C-alpha cells in the first residue's frame, strides 16, 4: 500500500496531481483545507486489514472504514512531519561540520606544531574527533529516516545487524549446518569475539550444553502422574510403552497404571491395551462415564501413572476439551510435549504453540535415529525453554529410551553432523 500527500490551491488542482502521479486507481483517504489551499491524502492498493495492522491498538477506535482512513491519513502526516524534522537536523549537522572544516583550514600546520610541540607527522587526529562525532550523529539520523520511510511504505523497520568477522560468519554457517536456525546461529557466533574457528566451535558447543535444559530426576524414580501430548505420529503411545516396560522390569507391575484420553478415534487405544496385557498393567479409558479425575482418584495408590492423549490439532472438535481436562484436574499432572526430531523447526514451534496452554512441564524427543541432524531439536528446546525429560532412538522396548542429559545430547548431535558430512563428501566424490 502506497500512501502520498498532495497540496494545491484548489480541489481541482489537487485532484489533477493525484490523477497524474497516482493514476485512476488511487483512493482518497482524506481531504482538508490548510493554509494556502487544499491537502489530499491518497493511497494505492488500499487494504483495510493492512491499515488496521499498521495502526495497531489505535485501530480499535475506528468504528467504520471512513474513520479508519482518517486515522491512516493522520498517521501519514505525522510520519512526514517527523521525516521533515530529521532531514532538517541532518542539514544543520552538515552545515556545522562544514563550518568546523573551514575554521580548521585557516590554521597553518606549522602553527599547530609550535603549539603542541614536535612529534606529530599528520594533523588529522586534531579534526578526527569532531568529524567522527558528526558522522555518528549523521548515521543515527539516517537510520531514523530509513525507519520512518519504512513505516510510511508499510514495511517493518529493518533490524540493526551487528557487524560480523569472517570467523564469526564461518562459525554461523557451521552452526546452521549443525541444524540451528539462522537467528540462533548468528546470536551464538557473535559471542565469539576473537580467535580461531575451532575455538569458537568448541565455545558454541559449550553454550549449547548450557542452554539445553534437562530433567535431573527420572519419572520412574520420582513417581507421579505424567501426560504426553503431541500430534498424531509423534510417538506418544510407543514412548509410554517403553516407560511402562522399564518400570515393570525395575519395580514390578503393581504400582504402575496406564490411562488414555483418546476416545475420538476408532480403536485408538488398542495399542495401549496391548502394552497393558503384555506387561500385566491396568489400562483405563476416559469417556462419558469415567472422567479423568475419577480414574486418577481410583489409581491414587499407584506410584506412577502414564496418560496417553489423542493427537489432535486446534481444528479438531475435541482439542479444547482434552487440554481443558488436563488443565483443570485437581491432580498434579505433569504434561510433556512429544516432539519428533524429524519435524521441521517451523512445525515444532507450531505444535508447541498448539499445546502450550496445557501448562507444559517439559518435552520428550522421539525418532532421534531418523533425523539427519539434531540441531533443529536442540534449537527448539533452547528457544522455548522446555526441559527435555527423555529421548528415543528406535523401536526397541525399552532399550531405545534414554534419560536426557545435555552433554550427551550435544555430543550425539555432533556425531550426527560428522556422519552427514562424510555422506556428503562420498556423494560429491562419486
Protein backbone atom coordinates (compact mmCIF):
# COMPACT_ATOMS: atom_id res chain seq x y z
CA UNK A 1 0.00 0.00 0.00
CA UNK A 2 1.50 3.34 -1.14
CA UNK A 3 0.31 6.48 0.67
CA UNK A 4 1.06 10.02 -0.55
CA UNK A 5 0.03 13.57 0.38
CA UNK A 6 -0.73 16.37 -2.14
CA UNK A 7 -1.06 20.16 -1.74
CA UNK A 8 -2.77 22.55 -4.16
CA UNK A 9 -4.60 25.88 -4.15
CA UNK A 10 -7.88 24.32 -5.26
CA UNK A 11 -9.52 20.93 -5.11
CA UNK A 12 -9.41 20.64 -8.92
CA UNK A 13 -5.65 21.18 -8.99
CA UNK A 14 -5.13 18.67 -6.16
CA UNK A 15 -7.20 16.02 -7.96
CA UNK A 16 -5.25 16.67 -11.15
CA UNK A 17 -1.98 15.98 -9.28
CA UNK A 18 -3.43 12.78 -7.85
CA UNK A 19 -4.52 11.62 -11.31
CA UNK A 20 -1.13 12.40 -12.90
CA UNK A 21 1.06 10.88 -10.18
CA UNK A 22 -1.07 8.11 -8.67
CA UNK A 23 -3.33 7.15 -11.55
CA UNK A 24 -7.06 6.44 -11.69
CA UNK A 25 -6.90 3.64 -9.08
CA UNK A 26 -5.90 5.95 -6.21
CA UNK A 27 -8.16 6.02 -3.15
CA UNK A 28 -8.64 9.35 -1.34
CA UNK A 29 -8.17 8.77 2.38
CA UNK A 30 -8.84 12.35 3.48
CA UNK A 31 -9.08 15.95 2.28
CA UNK A 32 -8.99 19.15 4.29
CA UNK A 33 -8.39 22.88 3.99
CA UNK A 34 -4.98 24.12 5.08
CA UNK A 35 -3.17 27.45 4.89
CA UNK A 36 -2.82 28.28 1.22
CA UNK A 37 -5.20 25.69 -0.20
CA UNK A 38 -6.21 22.01 -0.05
CA UNK A 39 -4.46 18.92 1.28
CA UNK A 40 -5.37 15.42 -0.01
CA UNK A 41 -4.01 12.12 1.30
CA UNK A 42 -4.33 9.25 -1.19
CA UNK A 43 -3.38 5.58 -1.33
CA UNK A 44 -2.75 2.91 -3.95
CA UNK A 45 -3.77 -0.70 -3.32
CA UNK A 46 -5.59 0.37 -0.15
CA UNK A 47 -6.26 -2.60 2.13
CA UNK A 48 -8.38 -2.02 5.23
CA UNK A 49 -6.93 -5.05 7.04
CA UNK A 50 -3.39 -3.86 6.34
CA UNK A 51 -4.32 -0.40 7.58
CA UNK A 52 -5.62 -1.85 10.86
CA UNK A 53 -2.43 -3.88 11.31
CA UNK A 54 -0.31 -0.79 10.71
CA UNK A 55 -2.29 1.26 13.23
CA UNK A 56 -2.13 -1.50 15.85
CA UNK A 57 -4.19 -0.90 19.00
CA UNK A 58 -5.27 2.52 17.77
CA UNK A 59 -7.36 0.82 15.07
CA UNK A 60 -9.87 -0.24 17.74
CA UNK A 61 -11.08 3.37 17.85
CA UNK A 62 -12.13 3.18 14.19
CA UNK A 63 -15.82 2.29 14.15
CA UNK A 64 -16.09 2.37 10.36
CA UNK A 65 -13.99 2.47 7.20
CA UNK A 66 -14.17 6.25 6.93
CA UNK A 67 -12.78 6.79 10.42
CA UNK A 68 -10.03 4.23 9.73
CA UNK A 69 -8.99 6.12 6.60
CA UNK A 70 -8.85 9.39 8.56
CA UNK A 71 -6.62 7.79 11.19
CA UNK A 72 -4.39 6.36 8.46
CA UNK A 73 -4.09 9.83 6.93
CA UNK A 74 -3.25 11.40 10.31
CA UNK A 75 -0.52 8.81 10.85
CA UNK A 76 0.88 9.60 7.41
CA UNK A 77 1.00 13.32 8.21
CA UNK A 78 2.82 12.71 11.49
CA UNK A 79 5.37 10.48 9.79
CA UNK A 80 6.02 13.01 7.05
CA UNK A 81 6.42 15.80 9.60
CA UNK A 82 8.90 13.70 11.57
CA UNK A 83 10.75 12.88 8.36
CA UNK A 84 10.99 16.57 7.54
CA UNK A 85 12.38 17.36 11.00
CA UNK A 86 15.01 14.62 10.66
CA UNK A 87 16.10 15.97 7.29
CA UNK A 88 16.39 19.45 8.77
CA UNK A 89 18.58 18.10 11.58
CA UNK A 90 20.88 16.43 9.05
CA UNK A 91 21.16 19.68 7.09
CA UNK A 92 22.12 21.56 10.28
CA UNK A 93 24.77 18.99 11.21
CA UNK A 94 26.25 19.15 7.72
CA UNK A 95 26.44 22.93 7.85
CA UNK A 96 28.03 22.76 11.29
CA UNK A 97 30.60 20.24 10.09
CA UNK A 98 31.39 22.38 7.04
CA UNK A 99 31.92 25.39 9.32
CA UNK A 100 34.28 23.37 11.53
CA UNK A 101 36.25 22.25 8.48
CA UNK A 102 36.52 25.83 7.21
CA UNK A 103 37.73 27.00 10.63
CA UNK A 104 40.45 24.40 10.71
CA UNK A 105 41.58 25.15 7.17
CA UNK A 106 42.62 28.66 8.26
CA UNK A 107 45.19 27.33 10.75
CA UNK A 108 48.64 26.53 9.34
CA UNK A 109 50.29 23.20 10.12
CA UNK A 110 53.41 24.97 11.43
CA UNK A 111 51.31 26.84 14.00
CA UNK A 112 49.82 23.57 15.21
CA UNK A 113 53.27 22.02 15.61
CA UNK A 114 54.55 25.03 17.53
CA UNK A 115 51.62 24.99 19.96
CA UNK A 116 51.67 21.25 20.66
CA UNK A 117 55.35 20.51 20.09
CA UNK A 118 57.09 18.28 17.60
CA UNK A 119 56.35 14.63 17.09
CA UNK A 120 53.11 14.74 15.02
CA UNK A 121 53.60 13.77 11.41
CA UNK A 122 49.95 14.22 10.46
CA UNK A 123 47.46 16.87 11.58
CA UNK A 124 44.48 14.54 11.02
CA UNK A 125 43.93 13.47 14.67
CA UNK A 126 43.13 17.09 15.61
CA UNK A 127 39.99 17.11 13.48
CA UNK A 128 39.18 13.40 13.58
CA UNK A 129 37.24 13.51 16.86
CA UNK A 130 34.63 16.09 15.83
CA UNK A 131 34.38 14.52 12.39
CA UNK A 132 33.66 11.10 13.92
CA UNK A 133 31.13 12.64 16.28
CA UNK A 134 29.26 14.30 13.43
CA UNK A 135 29.48 11.13 11.29
CA UNK A 136 27.99 9.12 14.14
CA UNK A 137 25.16 11.60 14.58
CA UNK A 138 24.50 11.64 10.85
CA UNK A 139 24.45 7.83 10.73
CA UNK A 140 21.96 7.76 13.57
CA UNK A 141 19.68 10.25 11.84
CA UNK A 142 19.97 8.43 8.51
CA UNK A 143 18.87 5.23 10.26
CA UNK A 144 15.99 7.18 11.77
CA UNK A 145 14.93 8.41 8.34
CA UNK A 146 15.13 4.88 6.89
CA UNK A 147 12.90 3.66 9.72
CA UNK A 148 10.39 6.44 9.04
CA UNK A 149 10.39 5.68 5.31
CA UNK A 150 9.74 2.01 6.05
CA UNK A 151 6.79 2.96 8.25
CA UNK A 152 5.40 5.26 5.56
CA UNK A 153 5.67 2.50 2.98
CA UNK A 154 4.07 -0.07 5.27
CA UNK A 155 7.23 -2.09 5.89
CA UNK A 156 8.65 -3.14 9.24
CA UNK A 157 11.84 -1.29 10.26
CA UNK A 158 14.96 -3.20 9.28
CA UNK A 159 16.69 -4.63 12.37
CA UNK A 160 20.20 -3.47 13.05
CA UNK A 161 22.57 -6.38 12.33
CA UNK A 162 25.87 -6.18 14.18
CA UNK A 163 28.97 -6.42 12.03
CA UNK A 164 30.48 -9.91 11.91
CA UNK A 165 34.02 -11.00 11.24
CA UNK A 166 34.98 -13.69 8.73
CA UNK A 167 35.45 -16.23 11.53
CA UNK A 168 32.05 -15.38 13.03
CA UNK A 169 30.44 -15.77 9.61
CA UNK A 170 32.03 -19.19 9.06
CA UNK A 171 31.04 -20.22 12.58
CA UNK A 172 27.43 -19.19 11.94
CA UNK A 173 27.43 -21.24 8.73
CA UNK A 174 28.72 -24.31 10.59
CA UNK A 175 26.07 -23.90 13.30
CA UNK A 176 23.38 -23.72 10.62
CA UNK A 177 24.79 -26.89 9.06
CA UNK A 178 24.56 -28.37 12.57
CA UNK A 179 20.83 -27.65 12.34
CA UNK A 180 20.34 -24.40 14.27
CA UNK A 181 18.18 -21.65 12.83
CA UNK A 182 19.88 -18.61 11.29
CA UNK A 183 18.91 -16.25 14.14
CA UNK A 184 20.16 -18.54 16.91
CA UNK A 185 23.31 -19.46 14.95
CA UNK A 186 24.09 -15.77 14.38
CA UNK A 187 23.50 -14.91 18.03
CA UNK A 188 25.83 -17.65 19.24
CA UNK A 189 28.55 -16.96 16.67
CA UNK A 190 28.69 -13.24 17.52
CA UNK A 191 29.66 -14.09 21.10
CA UNK A 192 32.96 -15.43 19.77
CA UNK A 193 34.85 -12.14 19.71
CA UNK A 194 38.27 -13.29 18.51
CA UNK A 195 40.32 -16.42 17.88
CA UNK A 196 40.35 -19.44 15.63
CA UNK A 197 37.25 -21.04 14.14
CA UNK A 198 37.75 -24.27 16.10
CA UNK A 199 37.94 -22.33 19.36
CA UNK A 200 34.64 -20.66 18.51
CA UNK A 201 33.10 -24.03 17.62
CA UNK A 202 34.07 -25.52 20.99
CA UNK A 203 32.78 -22.43 22.80
CA UNK A 204 29.49 -22.66 20.87
CA UNK A 205 29.02 -26.32 21.81
CA UNK A 206 29.57 -25.44 25.47
CA UNK A 207 26.89 -22.75 25.16
CA UNK A 208 24.52 -25.32 23.69
CA UNK A 209 25.20 -27.67 26.61
CA UNK A 210 24.39 -24.82 28.98
CA UNK A 211 21.29 -23.73 27.06
CA UNK A 212 19.63 -27.16 26.78
CA UNK A 213 17.67 -27.89 29.96
CA UNK A 214 17.10 -31.48 31.10
CA UNK A 215 15.31 -33.20 33.98
CA UNK A 216 17.56 -34.28 36.81
CA UNK A 217 15.18 -36.96 38.12
CA UNK A 218 13.74 -39.88 36.17
CA UNK A 219 9.99 -40.32 36.25
CA UNK A 220 10.39 -43.97 37.27
CA UNK A 221 12.12 -42.94 40.49
CA UNK A 222 10.26 -39.68 41.05
CA UNK A 223 6.77 -41.09 40.57
CA UNK A 224 3.58 -39.13 39.95
CA UNK A 225 1.14 -38.57 37.10
CA UNK A 226 2.63 -37.79 33.67
CA UNK A 227 0.72 -36.98 30.48
CA UNK A 228 2.15 -37.00 26.95
CA UNK A 229 0.63 -34.65 24.38
CA UNK A 230 1.53 -34.01 20.77
CA UNK A 231 0.45 -34.57 17.17
CA UNK A 232 -0.52 -37.90 15.67
CA UNK A 233 2.52 -40.00 14.78
CA UNK A 234 4.94 -38.24 17.12
CA UNK A 235 5.41 -41.42 19.19
CA UNK A 236 3.35 -40.81 22.34
CA UNK A 237 1.93 -44.33 22.77
CA UNK A 238 5.20 -46.10 21.94
CA UNK A 239 7.07 -43.88 24.42
CA UNK A 240 4.54 -44.70 27.14
CA UNK A 241 5.03 -48.42 26.38
CA UNK A 242 8.81 -48.03 26.77
CA UNK A 243 8.43 -46.15 30.06
CA UNK A 244 5.98 -48.72 31.44
CA UNK A 245 8.17 -51.64 30.37
CA UNK A 246 11.26 -50.16 32.01
CA UNK A 247 9.30 -49.50 35.22
CA UNK A 248 7.94 -53.06 35.34
CA UNK A 249 11.42 -54.51 34.83
CA UNK A 250 12.77 -52.44 37.74
CA UNK A 251 9.85 -52.19 40.18
CA UNK A 252 7.19 -54.67 39.10
CA UNK A 253 3.69 -54.15 37.66
CA UNK A 254 1.80 -53.49 40.89
CA UNK A 255 2.48 -49.76 41.20
CA UNK A 256 2.10 -48.51 37.62
CA UNK A 257 -1.01 -47.84 35.52
CA UNK A 258 -1.83 -46.53 32.05
CA UNK A 259 -4.62 -44.11 31.09
CA UNK A 260 -5.81 -42.88 27.69
CA UNK A 261 -8.00 -39.89 26.93
CA UNK A 262 -8.29 -40.81 23.23
CA UNK A 263 -11.96 -41.59 22.73
CA UNK A 264 -12.14 -39.59 19.49
CA UNK A 265 -10.81 -42.20 17.04
CA UNK A 266 -11.98 -45.74 16.35
CA UNK A 267 -9.73 -48.34 18.05
CA UNK A 268 -7.33 -45.54 19.03
CA UNK A 269 -6.37 -47.16 22.34
CA UNK A 270 -5.81 -50.71 21.05
CA UNK A 271 -2.01 -50.38 21.10
CA UNK A 272 -2.10 -49.22 24.73
CA UNK A 273 -4.25 -52.23 25.68
CA UNK A 274 -1.69 -54.50 24.00
CA UNK A 275 1.05 -52.99 26.18
CA UNK A 276 -1.16 -53.45 29.24
CA UNK A 277 -1.78 -57.14 28.51
CA UNK A 278 1.90 -57.86 27.83
CA UNK A 279 3.09 -56.04 30.98
CA UNK A 280 0.10 -57.09 33.14
CA UNK A 281 -0.60 -53.40 33.82
CA UNK A 282 -4.14 -51.93 34.14
CA UNK A 283 -5.33 -49.61 31.36
CA UNK A 284 -8.17 -47.11 31.94
CA UNK A 285 -10.09 -45.14 29.29
CA UNK A 286 -11.51 -41.66 29.89
CA UNK A 287 -15.01 -41.45 28.38
CA UNK A 288 -18.50 -40.07 29.05
CA UNK A 289 -18.95 -42.38 32.03
CA UNK A 290 -15.49 -42.05 33.55
CA UNK A 291 -13.84 -38.64 33.90
CA UNK A 292 -10.09 -38.19 34.11
CA UNK A 293 -10.21 -37.15 37.77
CA UNK A 294 -12.43 -40.13 38.68
CA UNK A 295 -9.91 -42.52 37.13
CA UNK A 296 -6.94 -40.80 38.77
CA UNK A 297 -8.72 -40.95 42.12
CA UNK A 298 -9.12 -44.69 41.61
CA UNK A 299 -5.41 -45.02 40.77
CA UNK A 300 -4.17 -42.76 43.57
CA UNK A 301 -2.34 -45.68 45.20
CA UNK A 302 -0.13 -46.25 42.14
CA UNK A 303 3.41 -44.84 42.24
CA UNK A 304 3.44 -44.00 38.51
CA UNK A 305 0.52 -43.19 36.20
CA UNK A 306 1.16 -42.52 32.49
CA UNK A 307 -1.53 -40.75 30.45
CA UNK A 308 -1.73 -41.14 26.67
CA UNK A 309 -3.70 -38.50 24.73
CA UNK A 310 -5.21 -38.09 21.28
CA UNK A 311 -3.07 -36.36 18.67
CA UNK A 312 -5.49 -33.54 17.93
CA UNK A 313 -4.90 -30.19 16.28
CA UNK A 314 -6.58 -26.91 17.18
CA UNK A 315 -9.03 -27.51 14.32
CA UNK A 316 -10.30 -30.79 15.79
CA UNK A 317 -13.52 -30.87 17.78
CA UNK A 318 -12.10 -32.44 20.94
CA UNK A 319 -8.89 -30.40 21.09
CA UNK A 320 -10.04 -27.83 23.66
CA UNK A 321 -11.94 -30.47 25.64
CA UNK A 322 -8.88 -32.69 26.01
CA UNK A 323 -6.50 -29.90 27.06
CA UNK A 324 -9.09 -28.49 29.47
CA UNK A 325 -9.35 -31.94 31.12
CA UNK A 326 -5.64 -31.92 31.84
CA UNK A 327 -5.51 -28.28 32.94
CA UNK A 328 -8.46 -28.33 35.36
CA UNK A 329 -7.65 -31.64 37.03
CA UNK A 330 -7.13 -31.43 40.79
CA UNK A 331 -4.29 -33.95 40.43
CA UNK A 332 -0.76 -32.73 39.85
CA UNK A 333 -0.42 -33.80 36.21
CA UNK A 334 2.99 -33.09 34.67
CA UNK A 335 2.24 -32.64 30.97
CA UNK A 336 5.06 -33.14 28.48
CA UNK A 337 5.10 -32.38 24.76
CA UNK A 338 6.29 -35.19 22.47
CA UNK A 339 8.34 -33.74 19.60
CA UNK A 340 9.63 -35.75 16.66
CA UNK A 341 13.25 -34.91 15.81
CA UNK A 342 12.38 -35.39 12.13
CA UNK A 343 9.96 -32.45 12.15
CA UNK A 344 10.83 -29.11 10.59
CA UNK A 345 11.60 -26.31 13.11
CA UNK A 346 8.51 -24.40 11.98
CA UNK A 347 6.31 -27.44 12.66
CA UNK A 348 7.91 -27.93 16.09
CA UNK A 349 7.09 -24.34 17.05
CA UNK A 350 3.58 -24.66 15.67
CA UNK A 351 2.99 -27.79 17.77
CA UNK A 352 4.38 -26.01 20.84
CA UNK A 353 2.01 -23.06 20.32
CA UNK A 354 -0.84 -25.54 19.90
CA UNK A 355 -0.20 -27.34 23.19
CA UNK A 356 1.46 -24.79 25.47
CA UNK A 357 -1.91 -23.93 27.04
CA UNK A 358 -1.67 -27.37 28.74
CA UNK A 359 0.95 -25.92 31.15
CA UNK A 360 3.82 -27.93 29.68
CA UNK A 361 6.38 -29.12 32.22
CA UNK A 362 8.85 -30.31 29.59
CA UNK A 363 9.20 -32.41 26.46
CA UNK A 364 10.26 -35.80 25.10
CA UNK A 365 12.27 -36.08 21.87
CA UNK A 366 11.41 -39.04 19.66
CA UNK A 367 12.76 -40.54 16.41
CA UNK A 368 16.24 -39.21 17.07
CA UNK A 369 17.66 -42.09 15.00
CA UNK A 370 15.69 -40.95 11.92
CA UNK A 371 16.84 -37.30 11.93
CA UNK A 372 19.71 -36.17 9.67
CA UNK A 373 20.75 -33.51 12.20
CA UNK A 374 19.70 -32.78 15.77
CA UNK A 375 20.44 -29.06 15.88
CA UNK A 376 16.82 -28.32 14.96
CA UNK A 377 15.57 -30.12 18.09
CA UNK A 378 18.23 -28.57 20.33
CA UNK A 379 17.48 -25.10 18.97
CA UNK A 380 13.77 -25.68 19.57
CA UNK A 381 14.20 -26.56 23.26
CA UNK A 382 16.60 -23.62 23.75
CA UNK A 383 14.16 -21.14 22.23
CA UNK A 384 11.09 -22.48 24.06
CA UNK A 385 12.86 -23.19 27.36
CA UNK A 386 11.32 -26.68 27.58
CA UNK A 387 13.18 -29.18 29.73
CA UNK A 388 13.98 -32.48 27.95
CA UNK A 389 12.99 -35.50 30.05
CA UNK A 390 13.74 -38.38 27.65
CA UNK A 391 14.69 -39.09 24.06
CA UNK A 392 14.10 -42.20 21.96
CA UNK A 393 16.22 -43.52 19.09
CA UNK A 394 14.48 -46.66 17.84
CA UNK A 395 11.53 -49.05 18.20
CA UNK A 396 13.04 -51.47 20.73
CA UNK A 397 11.17 -51.59 24.04
CA UNK A 398 12.52 -50.45 26.43
CA UNK A 399 16.15 -50.32 25.18
CA UNK A 400 15.69 -47.32 22.90
CA UNK A 401 14.51 -44.98 25.66
CA UNK A 402 17.14 -42.73 27.28
CA UNK A 403 17.06 -40.25 30.16
CA UNK A 404 18.11 -36.91 28.66
CA UNK A 405 21.33 -35.14 29.62
CA UNK A 406 22.60 -32.02 27.85
CA UNK A 407 26.21 -33.06 27.18
CA UNK A 408 25.41 -36.50 25.68
CA UNK A 409 22.67 -34.92 23.55
CA UNK A 410 25.02 -32.28 22.12
CA UNK A 411 27.72 -34.92 21.61
CA UNK A 412 25.21 -37.09 19.76
CA UNK A 413 24.28 -34.11 17.57
CA UNK A 414 27.96 -33.53 16.71
CA UNK A 415 28.38 -37.19 15.75
CA UNK A 416 25.28 -36.97 13.57
CA UNK A 417 26.76 -33.90 11.82
CA UNK A 418 30.04 -35.76 11.15
CA UNK A 419 28.14 -38.68 9.62
CA UNK A 420 26.19 -36.29 7.39
CA UNK A 421 29.38 -34.53 6.26
CA UNK A 422 31.02 -37.87 5.39
CA UNK A 423 27.96 -38.91 3.40
CA UNK A 424 28.01 -35.62 1.51
CA UNK A 425 31.75 -35.99 0.80
CA UNK A 426 31.22 -39.52 -0.57
CA UNK A 427 28.29 -38.33 -2.70
CA UNK A 428 30.33 -35.46 -4.15
CA UNK A 429 33.28 -37.78 -4.90
CA UNK A 430 31.11 -40.39 -6.60
